[in-house]
Every structure is written in structure tokens, then in C-alpha cells.
Amino acid sequence: MGRKKKGLCTKWVETINISQQKSQVSEISLDMHRVSFSINPGSFPNISLNDYAIIIATGTGIAPFRNLLFERFNSARFLKYEGSVCLFYGCRNKTDDFLYGDEFQMFKNCSNMNFDYNVAFSRDQKEKIYVQHLIKEKWEFIYDMVFVKRCYVFIVGNSKVLPKSIDNALKHVFCQKNKDMEKLDEEWNKILYALKKSGRFYIETW
């Protein structure tokens, strides 16, 4: 797996001094055998059986989507999804970073779930390949999902590069189908605004 890394929360929990915490916080009872927590509703909307969605993630951005996919996978034992979800995921290397490949294939093999995925391994070849390249490559499928089936688009990942890169990739998809349209840039900006306004375009980045 390469170099070991510690998460922010686990590293903090590991360094807690229990006796010191008890003296500082008298109103909180610390029990090492019991941890209380709560889950707040996220910003992503619920996707119904008939909805279509494109989910785009890089690196650890896959975390919230794993939850979504496992929920759909468990429900697919009793229900058949008429809509579909397609994942575009980007990581560096297949051998080191593609940790959930078996899960993705399991989801794809579940016919009731209606799921497919595409992965860009940016460092496994001389020329770097990212998720935006896959979106441009599969522009006809993306156009049908976004502009015909009116799917949801969810994006989770690095804030420095991902939003702008996906914006440009989706703009490329739109332009491929509307090459003769005048003022393409202006028209795309209106469409992107409408997608966000309608609640069908979500970005979570850090």
C-alpha cells in the first residue's frame, strides 16, 4: 500500500489524554467502550428509483458516493431501479489507489441497480488521463444523460482543479452537439446556471 497515512480524526483520537479531558470537561462522560455520534443530512438530494445521475469523484471524493452506491445495492435486492447511476472516478495508480474496484464491479453486476463506472488512472501511462478526458471521450453518453434524461450531476473532489475541469468538459459535450449555435460560450453559461438553479448540479470540494 506504500507510505502509511493517518486520518485527521483517528490521529486526534489516538492522542487524547483521557484523564486530562475528564478534568477539563466535567459535564461530558468519556467512556472508551461507547461513542455517541449523530449524522446530519447532507447537501445532496435523494435520488429516486426513476432518476438518472452522473457522479464524478477524484481520490477521497469517492467516500460519499460509496455510501450512496451501497444504499442502492442493498435496496436492489428488493427493488429494480428504472433510472441509472454512472460513476466517473479518477486516481493515480490502479495498483496503489484503486481500492474499491471490486465494489464497483459488484455494483455493476447487480442488474437491478443499473450502475456503470469509468476510471481514469492518471499516472499509469506516459500521458496523464483525468476524469475530464473520459467525459469528453464519452460525450454522446453524457449529452444524453444531462440534456435528454435530465440527470443529476454530482462532483466531489479537489477544489483547485476539479470544478473548472468538469465545467470545461461539460461545455465540450454541449458544443459537440451544438457546433452551429451562435454565441456558444454565452449559451453554455446560461445552461450551467440553469442546471445549478434547478438543483440538478452539485459540487462538494475542499
Protein backbone atom coordinates (compact mmCIF):
# COMPACT_ATOMS: atom_id res chain seq x y z
CA MET A 1 0.00 0.00 0.00
CA GLY A 2 3.03 2.32 0.11
CA ARG A 3 3.55 5.05 2.71
CA LYS A 4 1.24 4.92 5.75
CA LYS A 5 -1.09 7.85 6.27
CA LYS A 6 -3.18 8.81 9.29
CA GLY A 7 -6.60 10.44 9.05
CA LEU A 8 -7.27 13.71 10.86
CA CYS A 9 -9.88 12.23 13.20
CA THR A 10 -8.08 8.96 14.00
CA LYS A 11 -4.82 10.78 14.72
CA TRP A 12 -6.64 13.16 17.11
CA VAL A 13 -8.44 10.32 18.91
CA GLU A 14 -5.16 8.43 19.29
CA THR A 15 -3.54 11.36 21.11
CA ILE A 16 -6.41 12.08 23.55
CA ASN A 17 -5.33 12.18 27.21
CA ILE A 18 -8.39 10.75 28.97
CA SER A 19 -7.52 11.92 32.48
CA GLN A 20 -6.85 15.44 31.24
CA GLN A 21 -10.08 15.53 29.25
CA LYS A 22 -12.07 14.45 32.32
CA SER A 23 -10.68 17.29 34.39
CA GLN A 24 -11.26 19.88 31.69
CA VAL A 25 -14.77 18.83 30.70
CA SER A 26 -16.75 17.91 33.79
CA GLU A 27 -20.12 17.74 32.05
CA ILE A 28 -19.06 15.13 29.48
CA SER A 29 -18.71 11.48 30.47
CA LEU A 30 -15.98 9.76 28.46
CA ASP A 31 -16.49 6.05 28.01
CA MET A 32 -13.89 4.19 25.92
CA HIS A 33 -16.43 1.45 25.17
CA ARG A 34 -19.14 3.72 23.85
CA VAL A 35 -19.03 6.55 21.35
CA SER A 36 -22.07 8.72 20.67
CA PHE A 37 -22.45 10.43 17.32
CA SER A 38 -25.10 11.88 15.06
CA ILE A 39 -25.42 12.25 11.30
CA ASN A 40 -26.68 15.48 9.82
CA PRO A 41 -28.49 15.46 6.47
CA GLY A 42 -26.10 16.12 3.61
CA SER A 43 -26.49 18.62 0.82
CA PHE A 44 -27.10 16.01 -1.89
CA PRO A 45 -30.75 15.31 -2.71
CA ASN A 46 -32.24 11.84 -2.55
CA ILE A 47 -32.27 10.04 -5.89
CA SER A 48 -35.46 8.14 -6.64
CA LEU A 49 -35.85 4.84 -8.48
CA ASN A 50 -36.52 6.68 -11.72
CA ASP A 51 -33.77 9.31 -11.51
CA TYR A 52 -30.56 9.33 -13.51
CA ALA A 53 -27.26 10.56 -12.10
CA ILE A 54 -23.67 11.09 -13.13
CA ILE A 55 -21.34 11.06 -10.14
CA ILE A 56 -17.82 12.41 -10.55
CA ALA A 57 -15.08 11.99 -7.94
CA THR A 58 -11.33 12.09 -7.53
CA GLY A 59 -9.29 10.50 -4.74
CA THR A 60 -11.04 10.53 -1.37
CA GLY A 61 -14.03 12.24 -3.00
CA ILE A 62 -15.36 8.74 -3.62
CA ALA A 63 -16.33 8.43 0.09
CA PRO A 64 -19.88 9.91 -0.03
CA PHE A 65 -20.60 8.06 -3.26
CA ARG A 66 -19.70 4.69 -1.72
CA ASN A 67 -22.47 5.32 0.79
CA LEU A 68 -24.91 6.17 -1.99
CA LEU A 69 -23.95 3.10 -4.03
CA PHE A 70 -24.13 0.68 -1.10
CA GLU A 71 -27.58 2.03 -0.22
CA ARG A 72 -28.75 1.43 -3.79
CA PHE A 73 -27.09 -2.00 -3.85
CA ASN A 74 -28.90 -3.11 -0.68
CA SER A 75 -32.21 -1.76 -1.96
CA ALA A 76 -31.73 -3.54 -5.30
CA ARG A 77 -32.32 -6.85 -3.54
CA PHE A 78 -36.00 -5.87 -3.32
CA LEU A 79 -36.39 -3.11 -5.93
CA LYS A 80 -35.45 -2.55 -9.55
CA TYR A 81 -34.06 0.87 -10.45
CA GLU A 82 -35.50 2.30 -13.65
CA GLY A 83 -33.04 5.17 -13.63
CA SER A 84 -29.27 4.68 -13.58
CA VAL A 85 -26.09 5.96 -11.97
CA CYS A 86 -22.78 6.26 -13.79
CA LEU A 87 -19.51 6.94 -11.94
CA PHE A 88 -16.50 8.76 -13.37
CA TYR A 89 -13.63 8.28 -10.95
CA GLY A 90 -10.03 9.47 -11.04
CA CYS A 91 -7.00 8.29 -9.06
CA ARG A 92 -3.26 7.98 -9.67
CA ASN A 93 -2.46 4.28 -9.98
CA LYS A 94 -4.56 1.17 -10.40
CA THR A 95 -2.32 -0.97 -8.18
CA ASP A 96 -1.98 1.52 -5.30
CA ASP A 97 -5.11 3.67 -5.34
CA PHE A 98 -7.97 1.70 -6.89
CA LEU A 99 -9.13 0.42 -3.50
CA TYR A 100 -12.81 -0.13 -4.33
CA GLY A 101 -12.59 -1.72 -7.77
CA ASP A 102 -14.17 -4.95 -6.54
CA GLU A 103 -17.08 -3.00 -5.07
CA PHE A 104 -17.65 -1.09 -8.31
CA GLN A 105 -17.71 -4.34 -10.27
CA MET A 106 -20.11 -5.88 -7.74
CA PHE A 107 -22.45 -2.92 -8.18
CA LYS A 108 -22.21 -3.17 -11.96
CA ASN A 109 -23.01 -6.89 -11.88
CA CYS A 110 -26.23 -6.15 -9.97
CA SER A 111 -28.71 -5.77 -12.83
CA ASN A 112 -31.45 -4.25 -10.66
CA MET A 113 -29.09 -1.46 -9.62
CA ASN A 114 -28.43 -0.11 -13.14
CA PHE A 115 -24.88 1.10 -12.45
CA ASP A 116 -21.77 1.58 -14.58
CA TYR A 117 -18.36 3.15 -13.97
CA ASN A 118 -15.36 4.63 -15.76
CA VAL A 119 -11.94 5.12 -14.16
CA ALA A 120 -9.02 7.36 -15.14
CA PHE A 121 -5.62 6.31 -13.77
CA SER A 122 -3.59 9.46 -14.24
CA ARG A 123 -0.11 8.00 -13.63
CA ASP A 124 -0.36 4.59 -15.28
CA GLN A 125 0.75 5.84 -18.69
CA LYS A 126 3.08 8.45 -20.14
CA GLU A 127 0.30 10.95 -20.89
CA LYS A 128 -1.84 11.78 -17.87
CA ILE A 129 -5.51 10.88 -18.13
CA TYR A 130 -8.08 12.53 -15.86
CA VAL A 131 -11.85 12.22 -15.42
CA GLN A 132 -12.47 15.23 -17.67
CA HIS A 133 -10.81 13.32 -20.52
CA LEU A 134 -13.22 10.42 -20.03
CA ILE A 135 -16.19 12.80 -20.06
CA LYS A 136 -15.05 14.34 -23.33
CA GLU A 137 -14.43 10.89 -24.79
CA LYS A 138 -17.93 9.70 -23.90
CA TRP A 139 -19.61 12.96 -24.88
CA GLU A 140 -22.60 11.34 -26.62
CA PHE A 141 -23.50 9.34 -23.49
CA ILE A 142 -23.01 12.42 -21.28
CA TYR A 143 -25.14 14.59 -23.55
CA ASP A 144 -27.98 12.07 -23.45
CA MET A 145 -27.80 11.82 -19.66
CA VAL A 146 -27.60 15.56 -18.95
CA PHE A 147 -29.72 17.11 -21.69
CA VAL A 148 -32.17 14.33 -22.64
CA LYS A 149 -32.65 12.28 -19.47
CA ARG A 150 -32.06 15.41 -17.33
CA CYS A 151 -29.86 13.59 -14.85
CA TYR A 152 -28.32 14.85 -11.63
CA VAL A 153 -24.62 15.72 -11.75
CA PHE A 154 -22.65 15.35 -8.51
CA ILE A 155 -18.99 16.38 -8.25
CA VAL A 156 -16.75 15.71 -5.23
CA GLY A 157 -13.01 16.31 -5.01
CA ASN A 158 -10.24 18.89 -5.01
CA SER A 159 -11.45 22.48 -5.27
CA LYS A 160 -8.37 23.79 -7.07
CA VAL A 161 -8.79 21.90 -10.32
CA LEU A 162 -11.87 19.68 -10.46
CA PRO A 163 -14.81 22.14 -10.76
CA LYS A 164 -13.25 24.13 -13.60
CA SER A 165 -12.05 20.99 -15.38
CA ILE A 166 -15.50 19.39 -15.27
CA ASP A 167 -17.12 22.67 -16.31
CA ASN A 168 -14.89 22.75 -19.40
CA ALA A 169 -15.54 19.07 -20.13
CA LEU A 170 -19.32 19.51 -19.95
CA LYS A 171 -19.04 22.61 -22.09
CA HIS A 172 -17.17 20.49 -24.64
CA VAL A 173 -20.03 17.94 -24.55
CA PHE A 174 -22.60 20.67 -25.20
CA CYS A 175 -20.54 22.22 -28.01
CA GLN A 176 -20.13 18.89 -29.79
CA LYS A 177 -23.88 18.72 -30.28
CA ASN A 178 -24.43 22.43 -30.97
CA LYS A 179 -21.48 23.42 -33.15
CA ASP A 180 -23.58 25.69 -35.35
CA MET A 181 -25.06 27.65 -32.46
CA GLU A 182 -24.05 31.30 -32.25
CA LYS A 183 -22.51 32.61 -29.02
CA LEU A 184 -21.77 29.15 -27.67
CA ASP A 185 -19.89 30.44 -24.61
CA GLU A 186 -22.73 32.72 -23.61
CA GLU A 187 -25.31 29.99 -24.16
CA TRP A 188 -23.34 27.45 -22.11
CA ASN A 189 -23.06 29.86 -19.18
CA LYS A 190 -26.85 30.19 -19.19
CA ILE A 191 -27.29 26.42 -19.30
CA LEU A 192 -24.83 25.82 -16.45
CA TYR A 193 -26.62 28.43 -14.35
CA ALA A 194 -29.96 26.75 -15.11
CA LEU A 195 -28.58 23.32 -14.13
CA LYS A 196 -27.46 24.67 -10.76
CA LYS A 197 -30.68 26.64 -10.26
CA SER A 198 -32.80 23.55 -10.95
CA GLY A 199 -30.97 21.56 -8.26
CA ARG A 200 -29.51 19.07 -10.72
CA PHE A 201 -25.86 20.18 -10.43
CA TYR A 202 -23.99 19.81 -7.11
CA ILE A 203 -20.35 20.43 -6.23
CA GLU A 204 -18.67 19.46 -2.93
CA THR A 205 -14.96 20.38 -2.89
CA TRP A 206 -12.24 21.23 -0.41
